[in-house]
Amino acid sequence: MRLALLLCIAAPAFAAQNETGAYTRYELLAPGSASFRILYEITATTPGATAYFNPIRKGSIATDERVTDRATGKPLAFDVVGMDVAGKAGESGDADQKFIRVKLSRPVPANGGQARLLIDKTYQDSKSYYSEGPVLVFQRGLGIKRNAVVLPKGYELIACNYPSQVLQEADGRIAISFWNTSPAEAPLLLKARPVSARQSSVRLEERAHQDREIVYLLQQPDTHAFDLFHDYTESRPGSSTYVNVVRPGSSASKPSARNLDTGEELKWELVKGQAIKKAGLDVKEIKPDTEVVLFHFAPIAPGTSMRLRVSETYTDPARYRLQDGELTWDRGFGRPANAVVLPAGWMLTNSSVPATVSEQDGRVRLDFINPRNDELAVLVTARRR
């Protein structure tokens, strides 16, 4: 009994892997095939992890799997394992659950580092994708929050039960894209029928695929100051700088930036007024007091990308202030994912826009998802506890 207890105490505990940034694109293949291609973008964030486990959905037959490191554009080795292997890495599931185990190109860097993957596979699932006469039906519960479904060429959308963008791709295929802002999975139901296909001369931007995120960490309101960091992916070949234009009425300090793929710190400089024009920076309206923070990194090679985290401290008396003893945050959000963390000792009293609320290190955090392409005007107030 005592030996068993000692063995139990000494046994290692495995934590489930951490991940973020999930996006799934379903490309429906030929009618009658019950098959669809899945392009799954995911970011592994468990510090030090050397592998990533992707569960294979029960009821689906997976084929044509391949995995790419999105930072380098190079293929990654993988195999299919069961719960006997995945369970030792902290995964949970039924005894017959299967996983794609991906070998990462490098351990996930500490302090917020990431490993960004693209998992490409084909599923055959007659319960999710089938025909009702000439009408195609795609009916599937989607737990991932950012999704797109692309109809076969020559089909038009005639029914969709979840509010979505509808986008015509360059080859004439119709894509249905949405950001699920609820905590539950989306019970998606699409129907489509044959139509004459045409190529598109207009290409709209898919909101659900945008991966720019920003977090505001508010200091005490009488300072008008807040720390922020925003993450974005740079994939344009030849790009070697990031220009952050300081919003009029704000001032920036303590800038820093990091390559989240490697953990490398990036160099930066502050450029102001006509020096912006002389530097050839792409800034639309330059005034004597216009200020930008310019970050430098190695040029992006074709087929590769870099995930950057830019951090700064802002002071903005107009948009963040103490008014009649009440904290007031009044700011527009242009990104799809935005978060505001109240200062320590403050309780939330008002939020003009729906948000999910949680605690972060004892502080109240509000997460705002904007699935639209316009800006979200947010007013938040709080008072001392």
Protein backbone atom coordinates (compact mmCIF):
# COMPACT_ATOMS: atom_id res chain seq x y z
CA MET A 1 0.00 0.00 0.00
CA ARG A 2 2.77 2.40 0.96
CA LEU A 3 4.84 1.43 -2.12
CA ALA A 4 1.81 1.99 -4.35
CA LEU A 5 1.31 5.43 -2.79
CA LEU A 6 4.96 6.35 -3.35
CA LEU A 7 4.75 5.23 -6.98
CA CYS A 8 1.62 7.34 -7.43
CA ILE A 9 3.35 10.39 -5.97
CA ALA A 10 6.45 9.86 -8.12
CA ALA A 11 4.52 9.34 -11.36
CA PRO A 12 4.95 12.29 -13.76
CA ALA A 13 1.90 14.43 -14.51
CA PHE A 14 1.33 15.34 -18.13
CA ALA A 15 -0.49 18.56 -18.96
CA ALA A 16 -2.58 18.85 -22.10
CA GLN A 17 -0.97 20.82 -24.90
CA ASN A 18 -1.76 24.51 -25.31
CA GLU A 19 -2.70 25.98 -28.67
CA THR A 20 -4.16 29.11 -30.25
CA GLY A 21 -5.04 30.70 -33.58
CA ALA A 22 -7.11 27.83 -34.99
CA TYR A 23 -8.62 28.33 -38.45
CA THR A 24 -10.17 25.65 -40.67
CA ARG A 25 -10.93 25.76 -44.39
CA TYR A 26 -13.14 23.00 -45.80
CA GLU A 27 -13.00 22.55 -49.58
CA LEU A 28 -15.90 20.34 -50.69
CA LEU A 29 -14.76 17.84 -53.33
CA ALA A 30 -16.76 16.20 -56.13
CA PRO A 31 -20.46 15.66 -55.44
CA GLY A 32 -21.10 12.05 -54.45
CA SER A 33 -17.59 11.55 -53.07
CA ALA A 34 -18.56 12.47 -49.47
CA SER A 35 -15.03 13.90 -49.32
CA PHE A 36 -13.68 17.30 -48.42
CA ARG A 37 -10.19 18.71 -48.10
CA ILE A 38 -9.33 20.31 -44.74
CA LEU A 39 -6.68 23.01 -44.38
CA TYR A 40 -6.17 23.47 -40.64
CA GLU A 41 -4.00 26.29 -39.33
CA ILE A 42 -3.00 25.93 -35.68
CA THR A 43 -0.35 27.35 -33.38
CA ALA A 44 1.26 25.21 -30.67
CA THR A 45 2.15 27.28 -27.59
CA THR A 46 3.24 24.78 -24.92
CA PRO A 47 6.75 25.96 -23.92
CA GLY A 48 9.39 23.39 -24.83
CA ALA A 49 6.99 21.09 -26.71
CA THR A 50 8.62 19.07 -29.50
CA ALA A 51 5.43 17.51 -30.89
CA TYR A 52 1.84 18.51 -31.61
CA PHE A 53 -1.14 16.12 -31.51
CA ASN A 54 -4.13 16.66 -33.82
CA PRO A 55 -7.12 14.37 -33.14
CA ILE A 56 -8.69 12.58 -36.10
CA ARG A 57 -12.46 13.07 -35.93
CA LYS A 58 -14.39 9.86 -35.32
CA GLY A 59 -16.59 8.80 -38.20
CA SER A 60 -14.20 10.33 -40.74
CA ILE A 61 -11.62 8.53 -42.85
CA ALA A 62 -8.45 10.64 -43.17
CA THR A 63 -6.18 10.43 -46.23
CA ASP A 64 -3.59 12.54 -48.08
CA GLU A 65 -2.21 14.05 -44.87
CA ARG A 66 0.73 16.44 -44.98
CA VAL A 67 1.98 19.03 -42.50
CA THR A 68 3.90 22.25 -43.15
CA ASP A 69 5.83 24.55 -40.85
CA ARG A 70 4.21 27.90 -41.66
CA ALA A 71 7.30 29.86 -40.57
CA THR A 72 9.73 28.08 -42.91
CA GLY A 73 7.34 26.66 -45.51
CA LYS A 74 9.04 23.27 -45.11
CA PRO A 75 7.26 19.92 -44.60
CA LEU A 76 7.22 18.35 -41.16
CA ALA A 77 7.42 14.68 -40.27
CA PHE A 78 4.33 13.10 -38.68
CA ASP A 79 2.73 9.77 -37.89
CA VAL A 80 -0.63 8.48 -36.68
CA VAL A 81 -0.75 7.28 -33.07
CA GLY A 82 -3.37 6.06 -30.62
CA MET A 83 -4.28 6.99 -27.06
CA ASP A 84 -1.50 4.78 -25.70
CA VAL A 85 1.00 7.32 -27.08
CA ALA A 86 -1.05 10.53 -27.01
CA GLY A 87 -2.18 9.91 -23.44
CA LYS A 88 1.42 9.97 -22.25
CA ALA A 89 1.72 13.46 -23.76
CA GLY A 90 -1.34 14.70 -21.85
CA GLU A 91 -4.05 14.15 -24.46
CA SER A 92 -7.43 12.76 -23.47
CA GLY A 93 -10.03 10.73 -25.35
CA ASP A 94 -11.56 7.31 -25.81
CA ALA A 95 -9.32 4.27 -26.06
CA ASP A 96 -9.82 4.10 -29.84
CA GLN A 97 -9.11 7.81 -30.52
CA LYS A 98 -6.42 8.40 -33.17
CA PHE A 99 -4.11 11.41 -33.52
CA ILE A 100 -1.77 12.90 -36.08
CA ARG A 101 1.49 13.41 -34.16
CA VAL A 102 3.59 16.17 -35.73
CA LYS A 103 7.30 16.50 -35.00
CA LEU A 104 8.04 20.22 -34.60
CA SER A 105 11.07 21.72 -36.33
CA ARG A 106 12.22 23.18 -33.01
CA PRO A 107 10.96 23.18 -29.42
CA VAL A 108 8.33 25.88 -28.80
CA PRO A 109 10.22 28.94 -27.47
CA ALA A 110 9.53 30.01 -23.89
CA ASN A 111 7.89 33.32 -22.91
CA GLY A 112 5.03 33.29 -25.40
CA GLY A 113 6.80 31.54 -28.27
CA GLN A 114 4.89 29.62 -30.92
CA ALA A 115 5.09 26.87 -33.52
CA ARG A 116 2.70 27.58 -36.42
CA LEU A 117 1.48 24.58 -38.41
CA LEU A 118 -0.64 23.90 -41.48
CA ILE A 119 -2.24 20.45 -41.43
CA ASP A 120 -3.61 19.44 -44.84
CA LYS A 121 -5.79 16.34 -45.02
CA THR A 122 -8.81 14.89 -46.81
CA TYR A 123 -11.77 13.46 -44.89
CA GLN A 124 -14.44 11.13 -46.20
CA ASP A 125 -17.59 11.47 -44.11
CA SER A 126 -20.98 10.64 -45.66
CA LYS A 127 -22.84 11.91 -42.59
CA SER A 128 -21.37 15.41 -43.01
CA TYR A 129 -21.34 15.76 -46.80
CA TYR A 130 -24.05 14.21 -48.97
CA SER A 131 -26.62 14.89 -51.70
CA GLU A 132 -30.39 15.31 -51.63
CA GLY A 133 -31.17 14.96 -55.31
CA PRO A 134 -29.32 17.78 -57.12
CA VAL A 135 -28.76 19.66 -53.84
CA LEU A 136 -25.47 19.30 -51.94
CA VAL A 137 -25.65 19.31 -48.15
CA PHE A 138 -22.79 20.02 -45.73
CA GLN A 139 -23.93 19.52 -42.15
CA ARG A 140 -21.30 19.44 -39.45
CA GLY A 141 -20.75 20.72 -35.92
CA LEU A 142 -17.70 23.01 -35.97
CA GLY A 143 -15.93 23.59 -32.68
CA ILE A 144 -13.18 25.76 -34.17
CA LYS A 145 -14.10 29.45 -33.97
CA ARG A 146 -12.81 30.61 -37.39
CA ASN A 147 -14.01 28.63 -40.40
CA ALA A 148 -14.56 28.71 -44.15
CA VAL A 149 -16.37 26.23 -46.39
CA VAL A 150 -15.74 26.33 -50.15
CA LEU A 151 -18.39 24.90 -52.47
CA PRO A 152 -17.43 22.82 -55.50
CA LYS A 153 -17.02 24.80 -58.69
CA GLY A 154 -20.34 25.27 -60.46
CA TYR A 155 -22.50 25.41 -57.30
CA GLU A 156 -24.40 28.30 -55.71
CA LEU A 157 -25.28 28.72 -52.06
CA ILE A 158 -29.02 28.43 -51.41
CA ALA A 159 -29.09 27.96 -47.62
CA CYS A 160 -26.83 28.74 -44.65
CA ASN A 161 -28.04 28.68 -41.04
CA TYR A 162 -25.10 30.59 -39.52
CA PRO A 163 -24.46 34.32 -40.24
CA SER A 164 -21.53 34.29 -42.65
CA GLN A 165 -19.55 36.19 -45.21
CA VAL A 166 -20.14 34.95 -48.76
CA LEU A 167 -17.09 35.41 -50.97
CA GLN A 168 -16.55 34.49 -54.60
CA GLU A 169 -13.03 33.18 -55.16
CA ALA A 170 -10.92 33.98 -58.22
CA ASP A 171 -11.76 30.64 -59.85
CA GLY A 172 -15.51 31.18 -59.41
CA ARG A 173 -16.00 28.94 -56.37
CA ILE A 174 -18.20 30.31 -53.58
CA ALA A 175 -16.74 30.43 -50.05
CA ILE A 176 -18.80 30.77 -46.87
CA SER A 177 -16.76 32.17 -43.98
CA PHE A 178 -17.65 32.97 -40.37
CA TRP A 179 -16.26 33.62 -36.91
CA ASN A 180 -18.20 31.71 -34.25
CA THR A 181 -18.43 34.13 -31.32
CA SER A 182 -20.37 31.76 -29.06
CA PRO A 183 -18.78 29.32 -26.56
CA ALA A 184 -20.60 26.35 -28.17
CA GLU A 185 -19.77 24.64 -31.44
CA ALA A 186 -21.55 25.98 -34.53
CA PRO A 187 -24.15 23.52 -35.89
CA LEU A 188 -23.45 24.51 -39.49
CA LEU A 189 -25.87 23.53 -42.27
CA LEU A 190 -25.15 24.54 -45.87
CA LYS A 191 -27.04 23.67 -49.05
CA ALA A 192 -25.96 24.31 -52.64
CA ARG A 193 -27.21 23.55 -56.15
CA PRO A 194 -25.65 23.55 -59.64
CA VAL A 195 -25.32 26.83 -61.51
CA SER A 196 -23.18 28.22 -64.35
CA ALA A 197 -19.78 29.09 -62.84
CA ARG A 198 -18.09 32.42 -63.50
CA GLN A 199 -14.75 33.76 -62.47
CA SER A 200 -14.67 36.70 -60.09
CA SER A 201 -13.28 40.15 -60.83
CA VAL A 202 -13.75 41.19 -57.20
CA ARG A 203 -11.80 39.68 -54.30
CA LEU A 204 -13.00 40.59 -50.83
CA GLU A 205 -10.95 39.97 -47.71
CA GLU A 206 -11.98 37.05 -45.55
CA ARG A 207 -12.44 38.34 -42.00
CA ALA A 208 -12.30 34.94 -40.27
CA HIS A 209 -8.84 34.28 -41.74
CA GLN A 210 -7.35 37.49 -40.39
CA ASP A 211 -5.10 36.72 -37.42
CA ARG A 212 -4.21 40.14 -36.01
CA GLU A 213 -4.78 40.25 -32.25
CA ILE A 214 -4.27 43.01 -29.68
CA VAL A 215 -4.36 43.10 -25.86
CA TYR A 216 -4.56 46.35 -23.84
CA LEU A 217 -3.31 46.13 -20.25
CA LEU A 218 -4.63 49.25 -18.52
CA GLN A 219 -2.52 51.03 -15.91
CA GLN A 220 -4.26 53.11 -13.23
CA PRO A 221 -6.60 55.56 -15.01
CA ASP A 222 -5.12 58.77 -13.58
CA THR A 223 -1.96 57.97 -15.61
CA HIS A 224 -3.93 57.69 -18.90
CA ALA A 225 -1.44 54.94 -19.76
CA PHE A 226 -1.78 51.35 -20.92
CA ASP A 227 0.60 48.66 -22.06
CA LEU A 228 -0.32 46.81 -25.20
CA PHE A 229 0.93 44.03 -27.41
CA HIS A 230 -0.34 43.04 -30.80
CA ASP A 231 0.49 39.96 -32.84
CA TYR A 232 0.39 39.65 -36.60
CA THR A 233 1.81 37.41 -39.31
CA GLU A 234 4.05 38.85 -42.02
CA SER A 235 4.17 36.74 -45.21
CA ARG A 236 4.87 39.24 -48.00
CA PRO A 237 8.12 38.24 -49.75
CA GLY A 238 10.86 40.82 -49.23
CA SER A 239 9.17 42.60 -46.31
CA SER A 240 11.69 43.56 -43.64
CA THR A 241 10.00 46.26 -41.56
CA TYR A 242 6.82 46.86 -39.63
CA VAL A 243 5.53 50.42 -39.29
CA ASN A 244 3.35 51.19 -36.29
CA VAL A 245 1.73 54.62 -36.63
CA VAL A 246 1.02 56.21 -33.26
CA ARG A 247 -2.63 57.31 -33.14
CA PRO A 248 -3.09 61.13 -32.96
CA GLY A 249 -3.56 62.23 -29.36
CA SER A 250 -1.45 59.33 -28.07
CA SER A 251 2.23 59.04 -27.25
CA ALA A 252 4.24 55.81 -27.32
CA SER A 253 7.12 54.63 -25.13
CA LYS A 254 9.00 51.44 -24.26
CA PRO A 255 8.62 49.81 -27.70
CA SER A 256 9.85 46.27 -28.23
CA ALA A 257 9.19 43.44 -30.64
CA ARG A 258 9.83 39.73 -30.89
CA ASN A 259 9.74 36.99 -33.50
CA LEU A 260 7.38 34.52 -31.80
CA ASP A 261 8.56 31.67 -34.05
CA THR A 262 12.11 31.84 -32.69
CA GLY A 263 11.96 34.11 -29.62
CA GLU A 264 14.40 36.55 -31.27
CA GLU A 265 14.22 40.21 -30.18
CA LEU A 266 13.88 42.72 -33.03
CA LYS A 267 15.52 46.13 -33.47
CA TRP A 268 13.40 49.29 -33.59
CA GLU A 269 13.63 53.06 -34.04
CA LEU A 270 11.34 56.04 -33.50
CA VAL A 271 10.72 58.17 -36.62
CA LYS A 272 8.85 61.49 -36.56
CA GLY A 273 7.54 64.14 -38.94
CA GLN A 274 9.35 64.66 -42.26
CA ALA A 275 11.87 61.94 -41.36
CA ILE A 276 9.05 59.49 -42.09
CA LYS A 277 8.81 60.74 -45.67
CA LYS A 278 12.59 60.75 -46.12
CA ALA A 279 12.71 57.13 -44.95
CA GLY A 280 10.20 56.22 -47.68
CA LEU A 281 7.73 54.72 -45.20
CA ASP A 282 4.18 53.97 -46.35
CA VAL A 283 2.31 56.44 -44.14
CA LYS A 284 -0.68 58.18 -45.73
CA GLU A 285 -0.87 61.53 -43.92
CA ILE A 286 2.35 62.95 -42.46
CA LYS A 287 2.23 65.97 -40.13
CA PRO A 288 5.07 67.52 -38.10
CA ASP A 289 3.90 65.63 -35.00
CA THR A 290 3.20 62.31 -36.79
CA GLU A 291 5.13 59.57 -35.03
CA VAL A 292 5.84 55.98 -36.04
CA VAL A 293 7.76 53.15 -34.45
CA LEU A 294 9.74 51.26 -37.10
CA PHE A 295 10.69 47.63 -36.40
CA HIS A 296 13.31 45.75 -38.43
CA PHE A 297 13.60 42.03 -39.21
CA ALA A 298 15.23 39.77 -41.78
CA PRO A 299 13.53 39.94 -45.22
CA ILE A 300 10.73 37.40 -45.64
CA ALA A 301 11.70 34.68 -48.12
CA PRO A 302 9.07 33.42 -50.59
CA GLY A 303 6.94 30.65 -49.08
CA THR A 304 7.80 31.58 -45.49
CA SER A 305 6.23 33.82 -42.85
CA MET A 306 6.98 35.34 -39.46
CA ARG A 307 4.71 35.82 -36.46
CA LEU A 308 5.56 39.11 -34.73
CA ARG A 309 4.61 40.47 -31.33
CA VAL A 310 4.94 44.24 -30.98
CA SER A 311 4.74 45.74 -27.47
CA GLU A 312 4.49 49.37 -26.39
CA THR A 313 3.20 51.65 -23.66
CA TYR A 314 0.71 54.30 -24.79
CA THR A 315 -0.55 57.43 -23.07
CA ASP A 316 -3.91 58.70 -24.34
CA PRO A 317 -5.79 61.20 -22.10
CA ALA A 318 -8.65 61.59 -24.59
CA ARG A 319 -9.58 57.92 -24.83
CA TYR A 320 -8.49 56.61 -21.40
CA ARG A 321 -9.27 58.74 -18.41
CA LEU A 322 -10.71 59.07 -14.91
CA GLN A 323 -14.06 60.85 -15.14
CA ASP A 324 -16.03 61.66 -11.98
CA GLY A 325 -14.16 58.90 -10.17
CA GLU A 326 -14.98 56.36 -12.88
CA LEU A 327 -12.52 54.64 -15.19
CA THR A 328 -13.50 55.38 -18.80
CA TRP A 329 -12.09 53.57 -21.85
CA ASP A 330 -13.43 54.94 -25.16
CA ARG A 331 -11.61 53.53 -28.17
CA GLY A 332 -12.23 52.03 -31.61
CA PHE A 333 -11.02 48.52 -32.46
CA GLY A 334 -10.15 47.65 -36.04
CA ARG A 335 -8.83 44.13 -35.51
CA PRO A 336 -11.03 41.04 -35.30
CA ALA A 337 -9.68 39.98 -31.85
CA ASN A 338 -9.26 42.60 -29.13
CA ALA A 339 -8.89 42.37 -25.35
CA VAL A 340 -8.92 44.94 -22.54
CA VAL A 341 -7.55 44.09 -19.07
CA LEU A 342 -8.69 46.43 -16.28
CA PRO A 343 -6.19 47.68 -13.69
CA ALA A 344 -5.87 45.80 -10.42
CA GLY A 345 -8.56 46.80 -7.91
CA TRP A 346 -11.23 47.81 -10.45
CA MET A 347 -14.59 46.19 -11.17
CA LEU A 348 -16.44 46.32 -14.49
CA THR A 349 -19.61 48.46 -14.53
CA ASN A 350 -20.39 48.97 -18.24
CA SER A 351 -19.43 47.58 -21.64
CA SER A 352 -21.20 49.09 -24.66
CA VAL A 353 -20.37 46.09 -26.88
CA PRO A 354 -20.87 42.40 -25.98
CA ALA A 355 -17.71 40.79 -24.61
CA THR A 356 -16.66 37.63 -22.84
CA VAL A 357 -15.36 38.31 -19.33
CA SER A 358 -12.68 36.42 -17.43
CA GLU A 359 -9.94 36.97 -14.86
CA GLN A 360 -6.26 37.38 -15.71
CA ASP A 361 -3.92 37.43 -12.70
CA GLY A 362 -6.78 38.73 -10.54
CA ARG A 363 -7.69 41.46 -13.03
CA VAL A 364 -10.91 41.58 -15.10
CA ARG A 365 -10.38 40.87 -18.81
CA LEU A 366 -12.84 41.62 -21.60
CA ASP A 367 -12.47 39.93 -25.00
CA PHE A 368 -14.18 41.51 -27.99
CA ILE A 369 -14.57 39.63 -31.27
CA ASN A 370 -15.49 41.75 -34.28
CA PRO A 371 -16.44 39.45 -37.20
CA ARG A 372 -17.26 42.47 -39.39
CA ASN A 373 -14.84 44.42 -41.59
CA ASP A 374 -15.63 47.78 -39.98
CA GLU A 375 -14.32 49.28 -36.74
CA LEU A 376 -15.87 48.45 -33.37
CA ALA A 377 -16.48 51.52 -31.15
CA VAL A 378 -16.13 50.34 -27.54
CA LEU A 379 -16.94 52.20 -24.32
CA VAL A 380 -15.97 50.50 -21.05
CA THR A 381 -16.36 51.91 -17.54
CA ALA A 382 -15.26 50.58 -14.17
CA ARG A 383 -15.10 51.65 -10.53
CA ARG A 384 -12.88 50.81 -7.61
CA ARG A 385 -13.85 47.80 -5.53
